[in-house]
PDB file of N, CA and C in Angstrom:
ATOM      1  N   MET A   1       9.555  -6.327  17.912  1.00  0.00           N
ATOM      2  CA  MET A   1      10.609  -6.826  17.059  1.00  0.00           C
ATOM      3  C   MET A   1      10.346  -6.455  15.590  1.00  0.00           C
ATOM      4  N   VAL A   2       9.109  -6.597  15.147  1.00  0.00           N
ATOM      5  CA  VAL A   2       8.767  -6.225  13.773  1.00  0.00           C
ATOM      6  C   VAL A   2       9.055  -4.744  13.548  1.00  0.00           C
ATOM      7  N   GLN A   3       8.711  -3.935  14.538  1.00  0.00           N
ATOM      8  CA  GLN A   3       8.934  -2.493  14.429  1.00  0.00           C
ATOM      9  C   GLN A   3      10.411  -2.187  14.189  1.00  0.00           C
ATOM     10  N   THR A   4      11.295  -2.778  14.972  1.00  0.00           N
ATOM     11  CA  THR A   4      12.719  -2.459  14.851  1.00  0.00           C
ATOM     12  C   THR A   4      13.411  -3.193  13.705  1.00  0.00           C
ATOM     13  N   LYS A   5      13.006  -4.392  13.382  1.00  0.00           N
ATOM     14  CA  LYS A   5      13.683  -5.180  12.350  1.00  0.00           C
ATOM     15  C   LYS A   5      13.163  -4.940  10.935  1.00  0.00           C
ATOM     16  N   ILE A   6      11.907  -4.509  10.811  1.00  0.00           N
ATOM     17  CA  ILE A   6      11.336  -4.354   9.474  1.00  0.00           C
ATOM     18  C   ILE A   6      10.884  -2.925   9.205  1.00  0.00           C
ATOM     19  N   ILE A   7      10.081  -2.361  10.090  1.00  0.00           N
ATOM     20  CA  ILE A   7       9.427  -1.083   9.812  1.00  0.00           C
ATOM     21  C   ILE A   7      10.378   0.098   9.920  1.00  0.00           C
ATOM     22  N   GLU A   8      11.122   0.193  11.014  1.00  0.00           N
ATOM     23  CA  GLU A   8      12.054   1.312  11.184  1.00  0.00           C
ATOM     24  C   GLU A   8      13.199   1.186  10.178  1.00  0.00           C
ATOM     25  N   ASN A   9      13.469   2.251   9.493  1.00  0.00           N
ATOM     26  CA  ASN A   9      14.558   2.281   8.510  1.00  0.00           C
ATOM     27  C   ASN A   9      14.444   1.168   7.472  1.00  0.00           C
ATOM     28  N   TRP A  10      13.219   0.897   7.043  1.00  0.00           N
ATOM     29  CA  TRP A  10      12.998  -0.217   6.122  1.00  0.00           C
ATOM     30  C   TRP A  10      13.777  -0.060   4.826  1.00  0.00           C
ATOM     31  N   GLU A  11      13.982   1.176   4.384  1.00  0.00           N
ATOM     32  CA  GLU A  11      14.663   1.376   3.104  1.00  0.00           C
ATOM     33  C   GLU A  11      16.101   0.870   3.130  1.00  0.00           C
ATOM     34  N   SER A  12      16.774   1.026   4.261  1.00  0.00           N
ATOM     35  CA  SER A  12      18.160   0.561   4.351  1.00  0.00           C
ATOM     36  C   SER A  12      18.248  -0.941   4.631  1.00  0.00           C
ATOM     37  N   GLN A  13      17.143  -1.544   5.044  1.00  0.00           N
ATOM     38  CA  GLN A  13      17.144  -2.967   5.380  1.00  0.00           C
ATOM     39  C   GLN A  13      16.435  -3.826   4.334  1.00  0.00           C
ATOM     40  N   ASP A  14      15.994  -3.223   3.251  1.00  0.00           N
ATOM     41  CA  ASP A  14      15.190  -3.911   2.246  1.00  0.00           C
ATOM     42  C   ASP A  14      16.083  -4.641   1.242  1.00  0.00           C
ATOM     43  N   GLU A  15      16.699  -5.713   1.679  1.00  0.00           N
ATOM     44  CA  GLU A  15      17.573  -6.527   0.838  1.00  0.00           C
ATOM     45  C   GLU A  15      17.158  -7.987   0.942  1.00  0.00           C
ATOM     46  N   PRO A  16      16.893  -8.672  -0.150  1.00  0.00           N
ATOM     47  CA  PRO A  16      16.767  -8.114  -1.487  1.00  0.00           C
ATOM     48  C   PRO A  16      15.548  -7.187  -1.550  1.00  0.00           C
ATOM     49  N   GLU A  17      15.587  -6.290  -2.503  1.00  0.00           N
ATOM     50  CA  GLU A  17      14.523  -5.288  -2.603  1.00  0.00           C
ATOM     51  C   GLU A  17      13.160  -5.944  -2.774  1.00  0.00           C
ATOM     52  N   HIS A  18      12.274  -5.614  -1.881  1.00  0.00           N
ATOM     53  CA  HIS A  18      10.890  -6.077  -1.960  1.00  0.00           C
ATOM     54  C   HIS A  18       9.964  -4.884  -1.747  1.00  0.00           C
ATOM     55  N   LEU A  19      10.125  -4.254  -0.614  1.00  0.00           N
ATOM     56  CA  LEU A  19       9.271  -3.121  -0.269  1.00  0.00           C
ATOM     57  C   LEU A  19       9.507  -1.939  -1.204  1.00  0.00           C
ATOM     58  N   ARG A  20      10.749  -1.705  -1.568  1.00  0.00           N
ATOM     59  CA  ARG A  20      11.073  -0.613  -2.485  1.00  0.00           C
ATOM     60  C   ARG A  20      10.445  -0.861  -3.864  1.00  0.00           C
ATOM     61  N   THR A  21      10.379  -2.110  -4.275  1.00  0.00           N
ATOM     62  CA  THR A  21       9.751  -2.452  -5.544  1.00  0.00           C
ATOM     63  C   THR A  21       8.277  -2.080  -5.541  1.00  0.00           C
ATOM     64  N   ILE A  22       7.603  -2.358  -4.435  1.00  0.00           N
ATOM     65  CA  ILE A  22       6.189  -1.988  -4.307  1.00  0.00           C
ATOM     66  C   ILE A  22       6.044  -0.467  -4.343  1.00  0.00           C
ATOM     67  N   GLN A  23       6.865   0.219  -3.579  1.00  0.00           N
ATOM     68  CA  GLN A  23       6.810   1.681  -3.531  1.00  0.00           C
ATOM     69  C   GLN A  23       7.045   2.280  -4.925  1.00  0.00           C
ATOM     70  N   ASP A  24       8.073   1.805  -5.608  1.00  0.00           N
ATOM     71  CA  ASP A  24       8.381   2.317  -6.946  1.00  0.00           C
ATOM     72  C   ASP A  24       7.236   2.066  -7.922  1.00  0.00           C
ATOM     73  N   ARG A  25       6.636   0.897  -7.810  1.00  0.00           N
ATOM     74  CA  ARG A  25       5.520   0.564  -8.702  1.00  0.00           C
ATOM     75  C   ARG A  25       4.378   1.569  -8.538  1.00  0.00           C
ATOM     76  N   ILE A  26       4.096   1.967  -7.304  1.00  0.00           N
ATOM     77  CA  ILE A  26       3.017   2.923  -7.049  1.00  0.00           C
ATOM     78  C   ILE A  26       3.422   4.327  -7.486  1.00  0.00           C
ATOM     79  N   LEU A  27       4.590   4.774  -7.063  1.00  0.00           N
ATOM     80  CA  LEU A  27       4.995   6.151  -7.309  1.00  0.00           C
ATOM     81  C   LEU A  27       5.353   6.436  -8.764  1.00  0.00           C
ATOM     82  N   LYS A  28       5.783   5.423  -9.506  1.00  0.00           N
ATOM     83  CA  LYS A  28       6.168   5.632 -10.900  1.00  0.00           C
ATOM     84  C   LYS A  28       5.046   5.335 -11.882  1.00  0.00           C
ATOM     85  N   SER A  29       3.919   4.950 -11.362  1.00  0.00           N
ATOM     86  CA  SER A  29       2.765   4.677 -12.205  1.00  0.00           C
ATOM     87  C   SER A  29       2.217   5.979 -12.781  1.00  0.00           C
ATOM     88  N   GLN A  30       1.684   5.915 -13.989  1.00  0.00           N
ATOM     89  CA  GLN A  30       1.029   7.080 -14.574  1.00  0.00           C
ATOM     90  C   GLN A  30      -0.231   7.448 -13.797  1.00  0.00           C
ATOM     91  N   GLN A  31      -0.720   6.526 -12.992  1.00  0.00           N
ATOM     92  CA  GLN A  31      -1.932   6.727 -12.202  1.00  0.00           C
ATOM     93  C   GLN A  31      -1.610   6.925 -10.724  1.00  0.00           C
ATOM     94  N   SER A  32      -0.402   7.360 -10.408  1.00  0.00           N
ATOM     95  CA  SER A  32       0.030   7.395  -9.007  1.00  0.00           C
ATOM     96  C   SER A  32      -0.890   8.216  -8.104  1.00  0.00           C
ATOM     97  N   VAL A  33      -1.381   9.339  -8.576  1.00  0.00           N
ATOM     98  CA  VAL A  33      -2.264  10.169  -7.749  1.00  0.00           C
ATOM     99  C   VAL A  33      -3.540   9.406  -7.410  1.00  0.00           C
ATOM    100  N   GLN A  34      -4.118   8.755  -8.407  1.00  0.00           N
ATOM    101  CA  GLN A  34      -5.336   7.986  -8.178  1.00  0.00           C
ATOM    102  C   GLN A  34      -5.074   6.784  -7.264  1.00  0.00           C
ATOM    103  N   LEU A  35      -3.949   6.111  -7.474  1.00  0.00           N
ATOM    104  CA  LEU A  35      -3.597   4.966  -6.637  1.00  0.00           C
ATOM    105  C   LEU A  35      -3.451   5.381  -5.181  1.00  0.00           C
ATOM    106  N   LEU A  36      -2.754   6.489  -4.965  1.00  0.00           N
ATOM    107  CA  LEU A  36      -2.549   6.972  -3.597  1.00  0.00           C
ATOM    108  C   LEU A  36      -3.866   7.396  -2.947  1.00  0.00           C
ATOM    109  N   GLU A  37      -4.747   7.993  -3.713  1.00  0.00           N
ATOM    110  CA  GLU A  37      -6.042   8.407  -3.170  1.00  0.00           C
ATOM    111  C   GLU A  37      -6.881   7.190  -2.767  1.00  0.00           C
ATOM    112  N   ILE A  38      -6.913   6.179  -3.603  1.00  0.00           N
ATOM    113  CA  ILE A  38      -7.656   4.963  -3.261  1.00  0.00           C
ATOM    114  C   ILE A  38      -7.036   4.296  -2.042  1.00  0.00           C
ATOM    115  N   TYR A  39      -5.715   4.200  -2.015  1.00  0.00           N
ATOM    116  CA  TYR A  39      -5.035   3.582  -0.874  1.00  0.00           C
ATOM    117  C   TYR A  39      -5.299   4.372   0.409  1.00  0.00           C
ATOM    118  N   ARG A  40      -5.296   5.702   0.318  1.00  0.00           N
ATOM    119  CA  ARG A  40      -5.590   6.544   1.481  1.00  0.00           C
ATOM    120  C   ARG A  40      -7.001   6.261   1.988  1.00  0.00           C
ATOM    121  N   GLN A  41      -7.962   6.146   1.086  1.00  0.00           N
ATOM    122  CA  GLN A  41      -9.339   5.855   1.489  1.00  0.00           C
ATOM    123  C   GLN A  41      -9.421   4.510   2.204  1.00  0.00           C
ATOM    124  N   ILE A  42      -8.733   3.509   1.680  1.00  0.00           N
ATOM    125  CA  ILE A  42      -8.741   2.182   2.295  1.00  0.00           C
ATOM    126  C   ILE A  42      -8.128   2.244   3.687  1.00  0.00           C
ATOM    127  N   CYS A  43      -7.008   2.956   3.822  1.00  0.00           N
ATOM    128  CA  CYS A  43      -6.351   3.076   5.132  1.00  0.00           C
ATOM    129  C   CYS A  43      -7.257   3.765   6.152  1.00  0.00           C
ATOM    130  N   HIS A  44      -7.947   4.808   5.724  1.00  0.00           N
ATOM    131  CA  HIS A  44      -8.796   5.565   6.644  1.00  0.00           C
ATOM    132  C   HIS A  44     -10.098   4.844   6.987  1.00  0.00           C
ATOM    133  N   GLN A  45     -10.653   4.108   6.031  1.00  0.00           N
ATOM    134  CA  GLN A  45     -11.950   3.476   6.240  1.00  0.00           C
ATOM    135  C   GLN A  45     -11.846   2.002   6.623  1.00  0.00           C
ATOM    136  N   GLY A  46     -10.679   1.426   6.463  1.00  0.00           N
ATOM    137  CA  GLY A  46     -10.513   0.003   6.741  1.00  0.00           C
ATOM    138  C   GLY A  46     -10.759  -0.867   5.523  1.00  0.00           C
ATOM    139  N   GLU A  47     -11.708  -0.458   4.701  1.00  0.00           N
ATOM    140  CA  GLU A  47     -12.022  -1.140   3.448  1.00  0.00           C
ATOM    141  C   GLU A  47     -12.903  -0.231   2.618  1.00  0.00           C
ATOM    142  N   ILE A  48     -12.924  -0.484   1.316  1.00  0.00           N
ATOM    143  CA  ILE A  48     -13.842   0.242   0.431  1.00  0.00           C
ATOM    144  C   ILE A  48     -14.499  -0.771  -0.495  1.00  0.00           C
ATOM    145  N   VAL A  49     -15.659  -0.415  -0.983  1.00  0.00           N
ATOM    146  CA  VAL A  49     -16.342  -1.251  -1.965  1.00  0.00           C
ATOM    147  C   VAL A  49     -15.642  -1.057  -3.307  1.00  0.00           C
ATOM    148  N   THR A  50     -15.317  -2.147  -3.951  1.00  0.00           N
ATOM    149  CA  THR A  50     -14.595  -2.084  -5.212  1.00  0.00           C
ATOM    150  C   THR A  50     -15.521  -1.698  -6.363  1.00  0.00           C
ATOM    151  N   VAL A  51     -14.965  -0.933  -7.276  1.00  0.00           N
ATOM    152  CA  VAL A  51     -15.676  -0.616  -8.516  1.00  0.00           C
ATOM    153  C   VAL A  51     -14.954  -1.261  -9.701  1.00  0.00           C
ATOM    154  N   ASP A  52     -13.938  -2.076  -9.382  1.00  0.00           N
ATOM    155  CA  ASP A  52     -13.168  -2.829 -10.375  1.00  0.00           C
ATOM    156  C   ASP A  52     -12.525  -1.933 -11.420  1.00  0.00           C
ATOM    157  N   SER A  53     -11.928  -0.845 -10.957  1.00  0.00           N
ATOM    158  CA  SER A  53     -11.231   0.078 -11.860  1.00  0.00           C
ATOM    159  C   SER A  53      -9.810  -0.408 -12.123  1.00  0.00           C
ATOM    160  N   SER A  54      -9.178   0.163 -13.122  1.00  0.00           N
ATOM    161  CA  SER A  54      -7.789  -0.200 -13.429  1.00  0.00           C
ATOM    162  C   SER A  54      -6.870   0.188 -12.269  1.00  0.00           C
ATOM    163  N   GLU A  55      -7.182   1.284 -11.584  1.00  0.00           N
ATOM    164  CA  GLU A  55      -6.376   1.702 -10.427  1.00  0.00           C
ATOM    165  C   GLU A  55      -6.485   0.687  -9.286  1.00  0.00           C
ATOM    166  N   GLU A  56      -7.674   0.202  -9.046  1.00  0.00           N
ATOM    167  CA  GLU A  56      -7.849  -0.813  -7.996  1.00  0.00           C
ATOM    168  C   GLU A  56      -7.108  -2.093  -8.353  1.00  0.00           C
ATOM    169  N   ARG A  57      -7.179  -2.488  -9.608  1.00  0.00           N
ATOM    170  CA  ARG A  57      -6.453  -3.692 -10.041  1.00  0.00           C
ATOM    171  C   ARG A  57      -4.951  -3.511  -9.874  1.00  0.00           C
ATOM    172  N   GLU A  58      -4.445  -2.313 -10.159  1.00  0.00           N
ATOM    173  CA  GLU A  58      -3.020  -2.025  -9.987  1.00  0.00           C
ATOM    174  C   GLU A  58      -2.616  -2.136  -8.518  1.00  0.00           C
ATOM    175  N   LEU A  59      -3.454  -1.640  -7.612  1.00  0.00           N
ATOM    176  CA  LEU A  59      -3.153  -1.760  -6.180  1.00  0.00           C
ATOM    177  C   LEU A  59      -3.134  -3.218  -5.734  1.00  0.00           C
ATOM    178  N   VAL A  60      -4.057  -4.008  -6.255  1.00  0.00           N
ATOM    179  CA  VAL A  60      -4.076  -5.440  -5.929  1.00  0.00           C
ATOM    180  C   VAL A  60      -2.809  -6.107  -6.461  1.00  0.00           C
ATOM    181  N   LEU A  61      -2.435  -5.804  -7.703  1.00  0.00           N
ATOM    182  CA  LEU A  61      -1.225  -6.389  -8.297  1.00  0.00           C
ATOM    183  C   LEU A  61       0.036  -5.976  -7.549  1.00  0.00           C
ATOM    184  N   SER A  62       0.035  -4.768  -6.980  1.00  0.00           N
ATOM    185  CA  SER A  62       1.211  -4.306  -6.241  1.00  0.00           C
ATOM    186  C   SER A  62       1.399  -5.076  -4.939  1.00  0.00           C
ATOM    187  N   GLY A  63       0.312  -5.652  -4.437  1.00  0.00           N
ATOM    188  CA  GLY A  63       0.382  -6.373  -3.173  1.00  0.00           C
ATOM    189  C   GLY A  63      -0.023  -5.538  -1.971  1.00  0.00           C
ATOM    190  N   LEU A  64      -0.313  -4.254  -2.182  1.00  0.00           N
ATOM    191  CA  LEU A  64      -0.703  -3.393  -1.057  1.00  0.00           C
ATOM    192  C   LEU A  64      -2.090  -3.703  -0.535  1.00  0.00           C
ATOM    193  N   VAL A  65      -2.993  -4.088  -1.419  1.00  0.00           N
ATOM    194  CA  VAL A  65      -4.353  -4.383  -0.996  1.00  0.00           C
ATOM    195  C   VAL A  65      -4.773  -5.738  -1.532  1.00  0.00           C
ATOM    196  N   VAL A  66      -5.822  -6.250  -0.948  1.00  0.00           N
ATOM    197  CA  VAL A  66      -6.379  -7.520  -1.377  1.00  0.00           C
ATOM    198  C   VAL A  66      -7.871  -7.324  -1.601  1.00  0.00           C
ATOM    199  N   LYS A  67      -8.383  -8.000  -2.615  1.00  0.00           N
ATOM    200  CA  LYS A  67      -9.814  -7.951  -2.892  1.00  0.00           C
ATOM    201  C   LYS A  67     -10.467  -9.133  -2.200  1.00  0.00           C
ATOM    202  N   GLN A  68     -11.455  -8.834  -1.372  1.00  0.00           N
ATOM    203  CA  GLN A  68     -12.216  -9.878  -0.683  1.00  0.00           C
ATOM    204  C   GLN A  68     -13.688  -9.663  -1.011  1.00  0.00           C
ATOM    205  N   GLU A  69     -14.191 -10.520  -1.866  1.00  0.00           N
ATOM    206  CA  GLU A  69     -15.549 -10.414  -2.388  1.00  0.00           C
ATOM    207  C   GLU A  69     -15.735  -9.064  -3.075  1.00  0.00           C
ATOM    208  N   VAL A  70     -16.452  -8.116  -2.469  1.00  0.00           N
ATOM    209  CA  VAL A  70     -16.721  -6.829  -3.129  1.00  0.00           C
ATOM    210  C   VAL A  70     -15.980  -5.672  -2.472  1.00  0.00           C
ATOM    211  N   THR A  71     -14.990  -5.980  -1.627  1.00  0.00           N
ATOM    212  CA  THR A  71     -14.257  -4.909  -0.950  1.00  0.00           C
ATOM    213  C   THR A  71     -12.758  -5.036  -1.173  1.00  0.00           C
ATOM    214  N   LEU A  72     -12.074  -3.910  -1.005  1.00  0.00           N
ATOM    215  CA  LEU A  72     -10.613  -3.871  -0.998  1.00  0.00           C
ATOM    216  C   LEU A  72     -10.167  -3.546   0.412  1.00  0.00           C
ATOM    217  N   LYS A  73      -9.169  -4.281   0.895  1.00  0.00           N
ATOM    218  CA  LYS A  73      -8.616  -4.077   2.232  1.00  0.00           C
ATOM    219  C   LYS A  73      -7.106  -4.052   2.138  1.00  0.00           C
ATOM    220  N   VAL A  74      -6.463  -3.456   3.135  1.00  0.00           N
ATOM    221  CA  VAL A  74      -5.002  -3.471   3.200  1.00  0.00           C
ATOM    222  C   VAL A  74      -4.547  -4.921   3.329  1.00  0.00           C
ATOM    223  N   GLN A  75      -3.518  -5.281   2.569  1.00  0.00           N
ATOM    224  CA  GLN A  75      -3.017  -6.658   2.546  1.00  0.00           C
ATOM    225  C   GLN A  75      -2.521  -7.118   3.917  1.00  0.00           C
ATOM    226  N   ASN A  76      -1.666  -6.308   4.560  1.00  0.00           N
ATOM    227  CA  ASN A  76      -1.212  -6.662   5.905  1.00  0.00           C
ATOM    228  C   ASN A  76      -0.770  -5.413   6.659  1.00  0.00           C
ATOM    229  N   ARG A  77      -0.710  -5.514   7.985  1.00  0.00           N
ATOM    230  CA  ARG A  77      -0.427  -4.345   8.814  1.00  0.00           C
ATOM    231  C   ARG A  77       1.001  -3.852   8.647  1.00  0.00           C
ATOM    232  N   ILE A  78       1.939  -4.710   8.320  1.00  0.00           N
ATOM    233  CA  ILE A  78       3.317  -4.267   8.101  1.00  0.00           C
ATOM    234  C   ILE A  78       3.372  -3.353   6.888  1.00  0.00           C
ATOM    235  N   TYR A  79       2.770  -3.786   5.777  1.00  0.00           N
ATOM    236  CA  TYR A  79       2.710  -2.932   4.591  1.00  0.00           C
ATOM    237  C   TYR A  79       2.028  -1.613   4.920  1.00  0.00           C
ATOM    238  N   GLN A  80       0.920  -1.672   5.644  1.00  0.00           N
ATOM    239  CA  GLN A  80       0.183  -0.452   5.975  1.00  0.00           C
ATOM    240  C   GLN A  80       1.052   0.503   6.782  1.00  0.00           C
ATOM    241  N   SER A  81       1.773  -0.004   7.744  1.00  0.00           N
ATOM    242  CA  SER A  81       2.628   0.838   8.570  1.00  0.00           C
ATOM    243  C   SER A  81       3.744   1.472   7.744  1.00  0.00           C
ATOM    244  N   ILE A  82       4.383   0.689   6.909  1.00  0.00           N
ATOM    245  CA  ILE A  82       5.495   1.187   6.095  1.00  0.00           C
ATOM    246  C   ILE A  82       5.012   2.169   5.038  1.00  0.00           C
ATOM    247  N   PHE A  83       4.022   1.780   4.278  1.00  0.00           N
ATOM    248  CA  PHE A  83       3.623   2.591   3.132  1.00  0.00           C
ATOM    249  C   PHE A  83       2.761   3.773   3.505  1.00  0.00           C
ATOM    250  N   SER A  84       2.054   3.708   4.578  1.00  0.00           N
ATOM    251  CA  SER A  84       1.284   4.872   4.988  1.00  0.00           C
ATOM    252  C   SER A  84       2.220   6.033   5.296  1.00  0.00           C
ATOM    253  N   SER A  85       3.320   5.760   5.988  1.00  0.00           N
ATOM    254  CA  SER A  85       4.241   6.852   6.300  1.00  0.00           C
ATOM    255  C   SER A  85       5.107   7.229   5.101  1.00  0.00           C
ATOM    256  N   SER A  86       5.612   6.265   4.356  1.00  0.00           N
ATOM    257  CA  SER A  86       6.503   6.575   3.241  1.00  0.00           C
ATOM    258  C   SER A  86       5.757   7.226   2.070  1.00  0.00           C
ATOM    259  N   LEU A  87       4.466   6.957   1.936  1.00  0.00           N
ATOM    260  CA  LEU A  87       3.679   7.564   0.869  1.00  0.00           C
ATOM    261  C   LEU A  87       2.941   8.808   1.339  1.00  0.00           C
ATOM    262  N   GLY A  88       3.199   9.202   2.581  1.00  0.00           N
ATOM    263  CA  GLY A  88       2.616  10.436   3.088  1.00  0.00           C
ATOM    264  C   GLY A  88       1.164  10.322   3.514  1.00  0.00           C
ATOM    265  N   ILE A  89       0.729   9.124   3.874  1.00  0.00           N
ATOM    266  CA  ILE A  89      -0.651   8.917   4.309  1.00  0.00           C
ATOM    267  C   ILE A  89      -0.656   8.849   5.820  1.00  0.00           C
ATOM    268  N   LYS A  90      -1.348   9.779   6.426  1.00  0.00           N
ATOM    269  CA  LYS A  90      -1.395   9.832   7.884  1.00  0.00           C
ATOM    270  C   LYS A  90      -2.404   8.821   8.408  1.00  0.00           C
ATOM    271  N   PRO A  91      -2.029   8.048   9.456  1.00  0.00           N
ATOM    272  CA  PRO A  91      -2.971   7.082  10.018  1.00  0.00           C
ATOM    273  C   PRO A  91      -4.140   7.789  10.688  1.00  0.00           C
ATOM    274  N   VAL A  92      -5.242   7.094  10.786  1.00  0.00           N
ATOM    275  CA  VAL A  92      -6.457   7.635  11.400  1.00  0.00           C
ATOM    276  C   VAL A  92      -6.226   7.888  12.872  1.00  0.00           C
TER     277      VAL A  92
END
């Protein structure tokens, strides 16, 4: 149900805009390349050790990742499924 109601064609079903806001925040950032690289690493490894960079803080503020003690992890599997494909990140 999540796949058909949220993930598939999410852009046309994103009312009020929530997911598009997250996507725009990442893609329109001056640090978008760095943000995408960090997010790709998190998706591929499951988590990364944080170095508390401005890019990591931006990802946390966007809601895509969460900081748990000294690591960054994907916030939730729905976000990971949507943004991995829409941002061009291939799943492991």
